[in-house]
C-alpha atoms as a PDB file:
ATOM      1  CA  MET A   1     113.018  35.809  -6.597  1.00  0.00           C
ATOM      2  CA  VAL A   2     110.378  33.101  -6.419  1.00  0.00           C
ATOM      3  CA  GLN A   3     111.646  30.562  -7.898  1.00  0.00           C
ATOM      4  CA  ARG A   4     114.275  31.203  -6.178  1.00  0.00           C
ATOM      5  CA  LEU A   5     112.806  31.341  -2.778  1.00  0.00           C
ATOM      6  CA  ARG A   6     110.809  27.932  -3.444  1.00  0.00           C
ATOM      7  CA  SER A   7     114.616  25.985  -3.677  1.00  0.00           C
ATOM      8  CA  THR A   8     115.438  27.833  -0.182  1.00  0.00           C
ATOM      9  CA  ASP A   9     112.152  26.672   1.527  1.00  0.00           C
ATOM     10  CA  VAL A  10     112.612  22.710   0.386  1.00  0.00           C
ATOM     11  CA  VAL A  11     115.879  22.999   1.623  1.00  0.00           C
ATOM     12  CA  LEU A  12     114.175  23.535   4.328  1.00  0.00           C
ATOM     13  CA  ILE A  13     111.301  21.717   4.360  1.00  0.00           C
ATOM     14  CA  VAL A  14     114.906  19.140   3.692  1.00  0.00           C
ATOM     15  CA  SER A  15     116.545  19.568   6.274  1.00  0.00           C
ATOM     16  CA  ALA A  16     113.819  19.798   8.883  1.00  0.00           C
ATOM     17  CA  LEU A  17     112.995  16.086   7.985  1.00  0.00           C
ATOM     18  CA  LEU A  18     116.892  15.102   8.591  1.00  0.00           C
ATOM     19  CA  ILE A  19     116.792  17.137  12.026  1.00  0.00           C
ATOM     20  CA  ALA A  20     114.066  14.767  13.095  1.00  0.00           C
ATOM     21  CA  TYR A  21     114.683  12.467  11.864  1.00  0.00           C
ATOM     22  CA  PHE A  22     118.661  11.818  13.586  1.00  0.00           C
ATOM     23  CA  ILE A  23     116.544  12.811  17.487  1.00  0.00           C
ATOM     24  CA  TRP A  24     113.783  10.306  16.596  1.00  0.00           C
ATOM     25  CA  LEU A  25     116.621   7.601  16.256  1.00  0.00           C
ATOM     26  CA  ILE A  26     118.730   9.123  19.068  1.00  0.00           C
ATOM     27  CA  ALA A  27     116.143   8.688  21.418  1.00  0.00           C
ATOM     28  CA  LYS A  28     115.349   5.341  19.940  1.00  0.00           C
ATOM     29  CA  ILE A  29     118.782   4.033  20.792  1.00  0.00           C
ATOM     30  CA  GLY A  30     118.729   5.535  24.168  1.00  0.00           C
ATOM     31  CA  SER A  31     115.178   3.394  24.441  1.00  0.00           C
ATOM     32  CA  VAL A  32     116.433  -0.116  23.780  1.00  0.00           C
ATOM     33  CA  GLU A  33     118.386  -1.594  27.317  1.00  0.00           C
ATOM     34  CA  GLU A  34     120.986  -4.831  27.098  1.00  0.00           C
ATOM     35  CA  GLU A  35     120.593  -7.326  29.640  1.00  0.00           C
ATOM     36  CA  VAL A  36     122.425 -11.041  30.664  1.00  0.00           C
ATOM     37  CA  LEU A  37     120.295 -13.392  32.181  1.00  0.00           C
ATOM     38  CA  ASP A  38     121.651 -16.772  34.729  1.00  0.00           C
ATOM     39  CA  HIS A  39     119.715 -19.446  35.237  1.00  0.00           C
ATOM     40  CA  VAL A  40     117.390 -19.481  31.983  1.00  0.00           C
ATOM     41  CA  PRO A  41     115.731 -22.633  32.186  1.00  0.00           C
ATOM     42  CA  ILE A  42     116.636 -25.554  29.199  1.00  0.00           C
ATOM     43  CA  ARG A  43     113.926 -28.074  27.392  1.00  0.00           C
ATOM     44  CA  ILE A  44     114.447 -31.250  26.318  1.00  0.00           C
ATOM     45  CA  ASN A  45     111.401 -31.714  23.233  1.00  0.00           C
ATOM     46  CA  VAL A  46     111.678 -36.145  23.041  1.00  0.00           C
ATOM     47  CA  PRO A  47     109.144 -38.577  22.897  1.00  0.00           C
ATOM     48  CA  ALA A  48     107.824 -39.728  26.737  1.00  0.00           C
ATOM     49  CA  TYR A  49     109.597 -42.529  25.301  1.00  0.00           C
ATOM     50  CA  ILE A  50     113.156 -41.240  25.475  1.00  0.00           C
ATOM     51  CA  GLU A  51     114.530 -40.399  29.024  1.00  0.00           C
ATOM     52  CA  THR A  52     117.043 -37.726  29.149  1.00  0.00           C
ATOM     53  CA  LYS A  53     119.962 -36.723  31.519  1.00  0.00           C
ATOM     54  CA  PRO A  54     121.798 -33.099  30.660  1.00  0.00           C
ATOM     55  CA  SER A  55     125.136 -31.938  31.663  1.00  0.00           C
ATOM     56  CA  GLN A  56     123.818 -28.828  32.987  1.00  0.00           C
ATOM     57  CA  GLU A  57     119.401 -28.115  33.184  1.00  0.00           C
ATOM     58  CA  THR A  58     120.272 -23.660  32.752  1.00  0.00           C
ATOM     59  CA  VAL A  59     121.948 -21.547  30.349  1.00  0.00           C
ATOM     60  CA  ARG A  60     123.247 -17.556  30.682  1.00  0.00           C
ATOM     61  CA  ILE A  61     121.390 -15.188  27.432  1.00  0.00           C
ATOM     62  CA  ASP A  62     122.025 -12.148  26.789  1.00  0.00           C
ATOM     63  CA  VAL A  63     118.962  -9.965  24.961  1.00  0.00           C
ATOM     64  CA  ARG A  64     118.280  -6.799  24.143  1.00  0.00           C
ATOM     65  CA  TYR A  65     114.336  -5.097  24.387  1.00  0.00           C
ATOM     66  CA  PRO A  66     112.643  -1.641  24.468  1.00  0.00           C
ATOM     67  CA  LYS A  67     113.312  -0.361  27.696  1.00  0.00           C
ATOM     68  CA  SER A  68     109.083   0.071  28.056  1.00  0.00           C
ATOM     69  CA  LEU A  69     109.370  -4.028  28.282  1.00  0.00           C
ATOM     70  CA  ARG A  70     111.943  -3.657  31.626  1.00  0.00           C
ATOM     71  CA  LYS A  71     109.158  -5.183  33.197  1.00  0.00           C
ATOM     72  CA  GLY A  72     108.219  -8.344  31.561  1.00  0.00           C
ATOM     73  CA  ILE A  73     112.364  -8.932  30.886  1.00  0.00           C
ATOM     74  CA  HIS A  74     112.822 -12.202  33.692  1.00  0.00           C
ATOM     75  CA  SER A  75     114.825 -15.500  33.747  1.00  0.00           C
ATOM     76  CA  SER A  76     111.363 -17.081  33.496  1.00  0.00           C
ATOM     77  CA  ALA A  77     109.843 -15.485  30.461  1.00  0.00           C
ATOM     78  CA  PHE A  78     112.754 -17.072  28.587  1.00  0.00           C
ATOM     79  CA  TYR A  79     113.286 -21.138  28.079  1.00  0.00           C
ATOM     80  CA  VAL A  80     115.656 -22.615  25.292  1.00  0.00           C
ATOM     81  CA  LEU A  81     114.302 -25.726  23.175  1.00  0.00           C
ATOM     82  CA  VAL A  82     116.100 -28.428  22.495  1.00  0.00           C
ATOM     83  CA  ASN A  83     114.923 -30.608  19.348  1.00  0.00           C
ATOM     84  CA  ASN A  84     117.619 -32.679  18.184  1.00  0.00           C
ATOM     85  CA  PRO A  85     116.504 -35.705  15.654  1.00  0.00           C
ATOM     86  CA  GLU A  86     119.749 -37.411  16.876  1.00  0.00           C
ATOM     87  CA  LEU A  87     118.519 -37.216  20.712  1.00  0.00           C
ATOM     88  CA  ILE A  88     116.460 -39.947  19.188  1.00  0.00           C
ATOM     89  CA  THR A  89     118.315 -41.934  16.691  1.00  0.00           C
ATOM     90  CA  GLN A  90     121.705 -42.116  19.163  1.00  0.00           C
ATOM     91  CA  ALA A  91     119.464 -43.220  22.167  1.00  0.00           C
ATOM     92  CA  GLY A  92     120.795 -45.951  24.218  1.00  0.00           C
ATOM     93  CA  VAL A  93     118.960 -49.134  24.418  1.00  0.00           C
ATOM     94  CA  ARG A  94     120.341 -50.216  27.903  1.00  0.00           C
ATOM     95  CA  GLU A  95     123.030 -47.392  28.641  1.00  0.00           C
ATOM     96  CA  ALA A  96     122.636 -43.792  28.062  1.00  0.00           C
ATOM     97  CA  GLN A  97     124.737 -42.584  25.234  1.00  0.00           C
ATOM     98  CA  ALA A  98     126.054 -38.840  25.575  1.00  0.00           C
ATOM     99  CA  VAL A  99     124.782 -36.539  22.354  1.00  0.00           C
ATOM    100  CA  THR A 100     126.517 -32.386  22.325  1.00  0.00           C
ATOM    101  CA  VAL A 101     123.846 -30.513  21.397  1.00  0.00           C
ATOM    102  CA  PRO A 102     124.046 -26.822  19.677  1.00  0.00           C
ATOM    103  CA  LEU A 103     122.808 -24.451  21.649  1.00  0.00           C
ATOM    104  CA  LEU A 104     122.012 -21.435  19.530  1.00  0.00           C
ATOM    105  CA  ALA A 105     120.422 -18.105  19.600  1.00  0.00           C
ATOM    106  CA  ASP A 106     117.635 -18.962  17.725  1.00  0.00           C
ATOM    107  CA  ASP A 107     116.523 -21.862  20.155  1.00  0.00           C
ATOM    108  CA  VAL A 108     115.852 -19.088  23.063  1.00  0.00           C
ATOM    109  CA  GLN A 109     111.875 -18.670  23.457  1.00  0.00           C
ATOM    110  CA  ARG A 110     109.860 -16.011  24.328  1.00  0.00           C
ATOM    111  CA  PRO A 111     106.240 -16.969  23.863  1.00  0.00           C
ATOM    112  CA  SER A 112     104.598 -13.839  26.355  1.00  0.00           C
ATOM    113  CA  LEU A 113     106.899 -11.210  24.721  1.00  0.00           C
ATOM    114  CA  PRO A 114     107.132  -9.681  21.511  1.00  0.00           C
ATOM    115  CA  GLN A 115     109.462 -10.028  18.661  1.00  0.00           C
ATOM    116  CA  SER A 116     111.423  -6.454  20.347  1.00  0.00           C
ATOM    117  CA  VAL A 117     113.060  -8.326  21.824  1.00  0.00           C
ATOM    118  CA  GLN A 118     116.324 -10.124  20.805  1.00  0.00           C
ATOM    119  CA  VAL A 119     118.672 -13.305  21.916  1.00  0.00           C
ATOM    120  CA  GLN A 120     121.425 -11.784  21.025  1.00  0.00           C
ATOM    121  CA  LYS A 121     123.659 -14.989  22.596  1.00  0.00           C
ATOM    122  CA  VAL A 122     123.612 -18.119  24.368  1.00  0.00           C
ATOM    123  CA  GLU A 123     126.229 -19.684  27.048  1.00  0.00           C
ATOM    124  CA  PRO A 124     127.735 -21.490  27.028  1.00  0.00           C
ATOM    125  CA  GLY A 125     126.842 -22.757  23.286  1.00  0.00           C
ATOM    126  CA  GLY A 126     126.610 -26.372  23.455  1.00  0.00           C
ATOM    127  CA  ILE A 127     125.963 -29.130  26.325  1.00  0.00           C
ATOM    128  CA  THR A 128     125.897 -32.538  26.473  1.00  0.00           C
ATOM    129  CA  VAL A 129     122.510 -34.748  27.214  1.00  0.00           C
ATOM    130  CA  TRP A 130     122.800 -38.555  28.164  1.00  0.00           C
ATOM    131  CA  VAL A 131     119.888 -40.426  26.727  1.00  0.00           C
ATOM    132  CA  LYS A 132     117.886 -43.560  26.140  1.00  0.00           C
ATOM    133  CA  PHE A 133     115.438 -45.302  25.990  1.00  0.00           C
ATOM    134  CA  ARG A 134     113.031 -46.225  28.351  1.00  0.00           C
ATOM    135  CA  ALA A 135     112.404 -49.626  28.792  1.00  0.00           C
ATOM    136  CA  VAL A 136     111.133 -52.733  31.058  1.00  0.00           C
ATOM    137  CA  SER A 137     112.361 -56.634  30.163  1.00  0.00           C
ATOM    138  CA  ALA A 138     109.139 -58.279  29.270  1.00  0.00           C
ATOM    139  CA  ARG A 139     108.323 -62.440  29.215  1.00  0.00           C
ATOM    140  CA  ILE A 140     106.496 -63.437  26.045  1.00  0.00           C
ATOM    141  CA  SER A 141     103.795 -66.000  28.136  1.00  0.00           C
ATOM    142  CA  PRO A 142     102.207 -68.258  24.828  1.00  0.00           C
ATOM    143  CA  GLN A 143      98.190 -68.574  25.115  1.00  0.00           C
ATOM    144  CA  PHE A 144      96.404 -71.116  24.270  1.00  0.00           C
ATOM    145  CA  ASP A 145      92.650 -71.407  23.142  1.00  0.00           C
ATOM    146  CA  ASP A 146      90.326 -74.306  24.688  1.00  0.00           C
ATOM    147  CA  SER A 147      91.074 -76.898  22.019  1.00  0.00           C
ATOM    148  CA  ARG A 148      93.041 -80.249  23.067  1.00  0.00           C
ATOM    149  CA  PRO A 149      95.221 -81.895  21.835  1.00  0.00           C
ATOM    150  CA  ALA A 150      94.576 -85.459  20.525  1.00  0.00           C
ATOM    151  CA  ALA A 151      93.082 -88.448  22.865  1.00  0.00           C
ATOM    152  CA  GLY A 152      96.619 -89.513  25.028  1.00  0.00           C
ATOM    153  CA  TYR A 153      98.065 -86.568  23.858  1.00  0.00           C
ATOM    154  CA  HIS A 154      98.841 -83.690  26.253  1.00  0.00           C
ATOM    155  CA  LEU A 155     100.321 -80.209  26.196  1.00  0.00           C
ATOM    156  CA  GLU A 156     103.958 -81.008  27.311  1.00  0.00           C
ATOM    157  CA  LYS A 157     105.249 -77.101  27.846  1.00  0.00           C
ATOM    158  CA  ALA A 158     106.121 -74.527  25.308  1.00  0.00           C
ATOM    159  CA  LEU A 159     109.280 -72.967  24.217  1.00  0.00           C
ATOM    160  CA  VAL A 160     109.623 -68.967  23.533  1.00  0.00           C
ATOM    161  CA  GLY A 161     112.319 -68.672  21.005  1.00  0.00           C
ATOM    162  CA  GLN A 162     113.342 -65.068  22.268  1.00  0.00           C
ATOM    163  CA  PRO A 163     110.789 -65.137  25.871  1.00  0.00           C
ATOM    164  CA  GLU A 164     112.525 -62.079  27.063  1.00  0.00           C
ATOM    165  CA  ARG A 165     111.642 -58.815  24.855  1.00  0.00           C
ATOM    166  CA  LEU A 166     112.269 -54.752  25.762  1.00  0.00           C
ATOM    167  CA  VAL A 167     108.883 -52.936  25.406  1.00  0.00           C
ATOM    168  CA  THR A 168     109.483 -49.401  25.700  1.00  0.00           C
ATOM    169  CA  GLY A 169     107.163 -46.108  25.622  1.00  0.00           C
ATOM    170  CA  PRO A 170     105.971 -43.831  28.595  1.00  0.00           C
ATOM    171  CA  GLN A 171     107.145 -44.232  32.262  1.00  0.00           C
ATOM    172  CA  ASP A 172     103.701 -44.677  33.812  1.00  0.00           C
ATOM    173  CA  LEU A 173     102.628 -47.143  31.101  1.00  0.00           C
ATOM    174  CA  LEU A 174     105.790 -48.936  31.524  1.00  0.00           C
ATOM    175  CA  ASP A 175     104.814 -49.272  35.077  1.00  0.00           C
ATOM    176  CA  SER A 176     101.397 -50.650  34.755  1.00  0.00           C
ATOM    177  CA  LEU A 177     102.669 -53.336  32.590  1.00  0.00           C
ATOM    178  CA  ARG A 178     104.764 -54.841  35.418  1.00  0.00           C
ATOM    179  CA  GLY A 179     102.239 -53.721  38.194  1.00  0.00           C
ATOM    180  CA  SER A 180     102.265 -53.665  42.073  1.00  0.00           C
ATOM    181  CA  GLY A 181     103.417 -57.789  42.041  1.00  0.00           C
ATOM    182  CA  ASN A 182     106.729 -58.936  41.851  1.00  0.00           C
ATOM    183  CA  GLY A 183     107.550 -55.989  39.296  1.00  0.00           C
ATOM    184  CA  THR A 184     107.825 -58.552  36.778  1.00  0.00           C
ATOM    185  CA  ALA A 185     106.183 -57.652  33.382  1.00  0.00           C
ATOM    186  CA  GLU A 186     104.606 -59.797  31.277  1.00  0.00           C
ATOM    187  CA  LEU A 187     103.465 -59.984  27.596  1.00  0.00           C
ATOM    188  CA  GLN A 188     101.023 -62.947  26.243  1.00  0.00           C
ATOM    189  CA  THR A 189     100.880 -63.827  22.630  1.00  0.00           C
ATOM    190  CA  SER A 190      97.099 -64.287  20.761  1.00  0.00           C
ATOM    191  CA  ALA A 191      95.682 -67.632  21.075  1.00  0.00           C
ATOM    192  CA  ILE A 192      97.408 -70.404  19.928  1.00  0.00           C
ATOM    193  CA  SER A 193      94.834 -73.652  18.528  1.00  0.00           C
ATOM    194  CA  LEU A 194      95.969 -77.737  20.161  1.00  0.00           C
ATOM    195  CA  ALA A 195      93.068 -79.322  18.406  1.00  0.00           C
ATOM    196  CA  ASN A 196      93.972 -82.935  17.634  1.00  0.00           C
ATOM    197  CA  GLN A 197      97.796 -82.260  17.547  1.00  0.00           C
ATOM    198  CA  ARG A 198     100.067 -85.591  18.237  1.00  0.00           C
ATOM    199  CA  ASP A 199     102.904 -84.432  17.332  1.00  0.00           C
ATOM    200  CA  SER A 200     105.487 -81.369  19.087  1.00  0.00           C
ATOM    201  CA  PHE A 201     105.606 -77.829  16.613  1.00  0.00           C
ATOM    202  CA  SER A 202     106.738 -74.930  15.786  1.00  0.00           C
ATOM    203  CA  THR A 203     104.494 -71.292  14.969  1.00  0.00           C
ATOM    204  CA  SER A 204     104.884 -67.809  14.509  1.00  0.00           C
ATOM    205  CA  VAL A 205     102.548 -66.209  16.945  1.00  0.00           C
ATOM    206  CA  ALA A 206     101.525 -61.934  17.069  1.00  0.00           C
ATOM    207  CA  ILE A 207     102.709 -60.486  20.709  1.00  0.00           C
ATOM    208  CA  VAL A 208      99.806 -59.100  22.179  1.00  0.00           C
ATOM    209  CA  VAL A 209     101.551 -55.142  22.984  1.00  0.00           C
ATOM    210  CA  PRO A 210      99.097 -52.848  24.914  1.00  0.00           C
ATOM    211  CA  GLU A 211      98.901 -49.368  23.336  1.00  0.00           C
ATOM    212  CA  GLY A 212     101.087 -47.085  23.353  1.00  0.00           C
ATOM    213  CA  LEU A 213     103.906 -49.025  24.048  1.00  0.00           C
ATOM    214  CA  SER A 214     105.883 -50.963  21.182  1.00  0.00           C
ATOM    215  CA  LEU A 215     109.017 -53.514  21.126  1.00  0.00           C
ATOM    216  CA  LEU A 216     112.699 -52.603  20.902  1.00  0.00           C
ATOM    217  CA  ASP A 217     114.430 -54.303  18.810  1.00  0.00           C
ATOM    218  CA  THR A 218     117.949 -53.846  20.464  1.00  0.00           C
ATOM    219  CA  ASN A 219     120.133 -54.281  17.393  1.00  0.00           C
ATOM    220  CA  THR A 220     118.481 -51.303  15.385  1.00  0.00           C
ATOM    221  CA  ARG A 221     117.289 -49.848  17.965  1.00  0.00           C
ATOM    222  CA  GLN A 222     114.317 -49.378  16.636  1.00  0.00           C
ATOM    223  CA  ARG A 223     110.735 -49.724  17.495  1.00  0.00           C
ATOM    224  CA  VAL A 224     109.259 -52.132  15.811  1.00  0.00           C
ATOM    225  CA  PRO A 225     105.319 -51.557  15.087  1.00  0.00           C
ATOM    226  CA  ARG A 226     102.866 -53.289  17.458  1.00  0.00           C
ATOM    227  CA  ASP A 227     101.402 -54.688  14.532  1.00  0.00           C
ATOM    228  CA  ALA A 228     104.337 -56.455  13.291  1.00  0.00           C
ATOM    229  CA  SER A 229     105.270 -58.186  17.334  1.00  0.00           C
ATOM    230  CA  PHE A 230     106.276 -61.334  16.904  1.00  0.00           C
ATOM    231  CA  ALA A 231     107.604 -64.543  18.832  1.00  0.00           C
ATOM    232  CA  VAL A 232     108.640 -67.958  17.353  1.00  0.00           C
ATOM    233  CA  VAL A 233     106.704 -70.836  20.528  1.00  0.00           C
ATOM    234  CA  GLN A 234     107.581 -74.296  20.091  1.00  0.00           C
ATOM    235  CA  VAL A 235     104.807 -76.177  21.192  1.00  0.00           C
ATOM    236  CA  ILE A 236     105.726 -79.810  22.300  1.00  0.00           C
ATOM    237  CA  ILE A 237     103.184 -81.946  22.176  1.00  0.00           C
ATOM    238  CA  LYS A 238     103.590 -85.641  24.227  1.00  0.00           C
ATOM    239  CA  GLU A 239     101.697 -88.426  24.736  1.00  0.00           C
ATOM    240  CA  GLU A 240     100.346 -89.969  28.099  1.00  0.00           C
ATOM    241  CA  GLN A 241     103.317 -91.907  29.898  1.00  0.00           C
ATOM    242  CA  THR A 242     100.861 -95.398  30.940  1.00  0.00           C
ATOM    243  CA  THR A 243     102.626 -98.248  33.164  1.00  0.00           C
ATOM    244  CA  ARG A 244     102.528-102.220  31.999  1.00  0.00           C
ATOM    245  CA  THR A 245     104.393-104.803  33.310  1.00  0.00           C
ATOM    246  CA  ILE A 246     105.387-108.012  31.648  1.00  0.00           C
ATOM    247  CA  GLY A 247     105.255-111.668  33.502  1.00  0.00           C
ATOM    248  CA  GLY A 248     106.751-115.007  33.073  1.00  0.00           C
ATOM    249  CA  VAL A 249     109.972-113.293  31.116  1.00  0.00           C
ATOM    250  CA  PRO A 250     112.549-116.060  30.897  1.00  0.00           C
ATOM    251  CA  ILE A 251     116.039-115.357  33.236  1.00  0.00           C
ATOM    252  CA  GLN A 252     119.215-116.297  31.113  1.00  0.00           C
ATOM    253  CA  VAL A 253     122.533-116.885  32.156  1.00  0.00           C
ATOM    254  CA  PRO A 254     125.118-117.589  30.618  1.00  0.00           C
ATOM    255  CA  THR A 255     127.908-120.020  30.506  1.00  0.00           C
ATOM    256  CA  LEU A 256     131.771-121.157  29.871  1.00  0.00           C
ATOM    257  CA  ALA A 257     131.963-124.462  30.517  1.00  0.00           C
ATOM    258  CA  ARG A 258     129.845-126.880  27.819  1.00  0.00           C
ATOM    259  CA  ASP A 259     129.815-129.367  30.816  1.00  0.00           C
ATOM    260  CA  LEU A 260     127.669-126.705  32.958  1.00  0.00           C
ATOM    261  CA  LEU A 261     124.046-125.871  33.828  1.00  0.00           C
ATOM    262  CA  ALA A 262     123.053-122.800  34.931  1.00  0.00           C
ATOM    263  CA  ARG A 263     120.337-123.041  36.537  1.00  0.00           C
ATOM    264  CA  THR A 264     117.813-120.498  39.072  1.00  0.00           C
ATOM    265  CA  GLU A 265     114.592-120.338  41.777  1.00  0.00           C
ATOM    266  CA  PRO A 266     112.036-118.887  40.032  1.00  0.00           C
ATOM    267  CA  THR A 267     113.202-119.818  36.565  1.00  0.00           C
ATOM    268  CA  SER A 268     111.309-116.193  35.415  1.00  0.00           C
ATOM    269  CA  GLY A 269     110.003-113.029  36.149  1.00  0.00           C
ATOM    270  CA  THR A 270     108.325-109.635  36.066  1.00  0.00           C
ATOM    271  CA  VAL A 271     109.479-106.334  34.450  1.00  0.00           C
ATOM    272  CA  THR A 272     107.161-103.292  34.786  1.00  0.00           C
ATOM    273  CA  ILE A 273     108.179-100.303  32.337  1.00  0.00           C
ATOM    274  CA  VAL A 274     106.408 -96.986  30.897  1.00  0.00           C
ATOM    275  CA  GLY A 275     106.673 -94.634  28.648  1.00  0.00           C
ATOM    276  CA  PRO A 276     104.146 -93.444  25.120  1.00  0.00           C
ATOM    277  CA  ARG A 277     100.796 -95.662  25.707  1.00  0.00           C
ATOM    278  CA  SER A 278     101.088 -96.325  22.068  1.00  0.00           C
ATOM    279  CA  ARG A 279     104.405 -97.598  22.463  1.00  0.00           C
ATOM    280  CA  VAL A 280     104.187 -99.916  26.061  1.00  0.00           C
ATOM    281  CA  GLN A 281     101.334-101.814  25.090  1.00  0.00           C
ATOM    282  CA  SER A 282     102.700-102.649  21.500  1.00  0.00           C
ATOM    283  CA  LEU A 283     105.975-104.159  23.228  1.00  0.00           C
ATOM    284  CA  ASP A 284     106.831-108.010  21.995  1.00  0.00           C
ATOM    285  CA  PRO A 285     108.075-109.000  25.512  1.00  0.00           C
ATOM    286  CA  ARG A 286     110.993-110.925  23.759  1.00  0.00           C
ATOM    287  CA  THR A 287     112.485-107.621  23.880  1.00  0.00           C
ATOM    288  CA  ILE A 288     112.981-107.701  27.510  1.00  0.00           C
ATOM    289  CA  GLN A 289     115.669-110.196  29.008  1.00  0.00           C
ATOM    290  CA  LEU A 290     116.679-111.011  32.291  1.00  0.00           C
ATOM    291  CA  ARG A 291     119.605-111.251  34.063  1.00  0.00           C
ATOM    292  CA  PRO A 292     122.288-111.855  36.396  1.00  0.00           C
ATOM    293  CA  LYS A 293     124.357-108.322  36.964  1.00  0.00           C
ATOM    294  CA  SER A 294     127.349-110.477  37.735  1.00  0.00           C
ATOM    295  CA  LEU A 295     128.233-113.696  37.503  1.00  0.00           C
ATOM    296  CA  PRO A 296     130.250-116.272  40.329  1.00  0.00           C
ATOM    297  CA  GLU A 297     132.801-118.974  39.562  1.00  0.00           C
ATOM    298  CA  GLU A 298     131.255-121.464  37.132  1.00  0.00           C
ATOM    299  CA  THR A 299     132.628-124.591  40.137  1.00  0.00           C
ATOM    300  CA  PRO A 300     129.851-127.848  40.194  1.00  0.00           C
ATOM    301  CA  GLY A 301     127.805-127.336  42.568  1.00  0.00           C
ATOM    302  CA  PHE A 302     127.561-124.222  43.780  1.00  0.00           C
ATOM    303  CA  ALA A 303     124.446-122.641  45.361  1.00  0.00           C
ATOM    304  CA  GLY A 304     123.683-119.224  46.367  1.00  0.00           C
ATOM    305  CA  ASP A 305     121.766-115.563  45.465  1.00  0.00           C
ATOM    306  CA  ILE A 306     122.869-113.371  42.434  1.00  0.00           C
ATOM    307  CA  ALA A 307     120.754-109.926  41.362  1.00  0.00           C
ATOM    308  CA  ILE A 308     119.456-110.292  38.474  1.00  0.00           C
ATOM    309  CA  GLU A 309     118.784-106.879  36.239  1.00  0.00           C
ATOM    310  CA  ALA A 310     116.779-106.552  32.974  1.00  0.00           C
ATOM    311  CA  SER A 311     117.040-104.620  29.498  1.00  0.00           C
ATOM    312  CA  LEU A 312     115.450-103.229  26.625  1.00  0.00           C
ATOM    313  CA  GLY A 313     116.375-104.921  23.017  1.00  0.00           C
ATOM    314  CA  GLU A 314     117.785-102.237  20.816  1.00  0.00           C
ATOM    315  CA  LEU A 315     114.840-101.235  19.493  1.00  0.00           C
ATOM    316  CA  VAL A 316     112.619-100.517  21.944  1.00  0.00           C
ATOM    317  CA  PRO A 317     112.534 -96.543  21.871  1.00  0.00           C
ATOM    318  CA  PRO A 318     114.745 -94.729  24.421  1.00  0.00           C
ATOM    319  CA  ASP A 319     111.393 -93.644  25.560  1.00  0.00           C
ATOM    320  CA  VAL A 320     109.884 -96.439  27.161  1.00  0.00           C
ATOM    321  CA  ARG A 321     111.637 -97.057  30.483  1.00  0.00           C
ATOM    322  CA  ILE A 322     111.915-100.002  32.967  1.00  0.00           C
ATOM    323  CA  ILE A 323     110.847 -99.320  36.128  1.00  0.00           C
ATOM    324  CA  ALA A 324     110.694-102.704  38.185  1.00  0.00           C
ATOM    325  CA  VAL A 325     112.025-106.253  38.150  1.00  0.00           C
ATOM    326  CA  ARG A 326     111.018-109.006  40.469  1.00  0.00           C
ATOM    327  CA  PRO A 327     111.777-110.174  42.313  1.00  0.00           C
ATOM    328  CA  GLU A 328     115.312-109.098  42.423  1.00  0.00           C
ATOM    329  CA  THR A 329     117.969-111.888  43.419  1.00  0.00           C
ATOM    330  CA  VAL A 330     117.250-115.486  42.273  1.00  0.00           C
ATOM    331  CA  THR A 331     118.621-118.747  43.673  1.00  0.00           C
ATOM    332  CA  LEU A 332     121.423-119.230  40.919  1.00  0.00           C
ATOM    333  CA  ARG A 333     122.607-123.022  41.487  1.00  0.00           C
ATOM    334  CA  TYR A 334     126.011-124.916  38.617  1.00  0.00           C
ATOM    335  CA  GLU A 335     125.105-128.405  37.585  1.00  0.00           C
ATOM    336  CA  THR A 336     127.367-130.949  35.829  1.00  0.00           C
ATOM    337  CA  ARG A 337     125.122-132.014  33.059  1.00  0.00           C
ATOM    338  CA  PRO A 338     124.566-135.203  32.555  1.00  0.00           C
ATOM    339  CA  VAL A 339     125.989-137.207  30.590  1.00  0.00           C
ATOM    340  CA  GLU A 340     124.427-139.256  27.482  1.00  0.00           C
ATOM    341  CA  LYS A 341     124.829-142.629  27.372  1.00  0.00           C
ATOM    342  CA  LYS A 342     125.567-144.422  24.232  1.00  0.00           C
ATOM    343  CA  THR A 343     123.863-147.638  23.249  1.00  0.00           C
ATOM    344  CA  THR A 344     125.043-150.018  20.906  1.00  0.00           C
ATOM    345  CA  PRO A 345     122.199-151.968  18.767  1.00  0.00           C
ATOM    346  CA  THR A 346     122.486-155.219  19.483  1.00  0.00           C
ATOM    347  CA  LEU A 347     121.832-157.472  16.395  1.00  0.00           C
ATOM    348  CA  GLU A 348     118.939-160.574  16.520  1.00  0.00           C
ATOM    349  CA  PRO A 349     120.783-163.535  15.737  1.00  0.00           C
END
């Protein structure tokens, strides 16, 4: 009899526990609410050098939460975090590129709410984000140290192989790079030495990129490390120019008729040349010719003024030029060549 009572007690206890559990479960279910929240903001997590524009700024979410948290459930307590690597790898260089990004319930952040607040759904399930690098075009400016070329030589100009490069980085640093002037950005190179240079040369020199910025490779759409940013510079070295006036250059007038002589007044002229000092000073005057620009008909007794011009020999370098001829005109006369009389030797008896 005692044993039966004990079994009955166990059954009663278990039944009571089950009833209590179901009562607690019913109470629990009754204490949970579901709600649809509109205008939940979207936050896109990309580096500061990426510019983004989403197809929409907010989404709608379905949430389930305990009634006790009702006061804390509002749109501003949530945000959708978009953290997709394609927003970086697919970013455009000069024009924005469209990237489709899915939106999941796990993307919804609720920093001030406990885990008992559950996100059931996000609408829409995806958005389009247009992405591009924040970038400006910068002119590469070669810089030189205090050294000088060899005596008699000077720096003519410096040509950069790729004179403009794209620079990417946060917008405030890009604005600072452009400055408040005409809005043109400039990057300088490290100093190039000209010590004792006589000839032009090319060199690869580092580009000084400010901290926080980097060059952008337009082909690979990759940022170039600051310590790997170089430019090829062609440095043009020229010898100093000088002039030289050469006098006593004979005026040559060719004739076709063998019985005519061409005479000019004056018979010589002066030519002024310009060019690199060493070449001008070493020029042989015999390489200069003075000739008429055009010839009149070869008529005996002709006399008249004609214009003359100077020319340099074929071996004279092209950087040596004629800049003046004096006189510009001369008087030309055609005379009959004297006939030489033949004398017959006489025999003495």
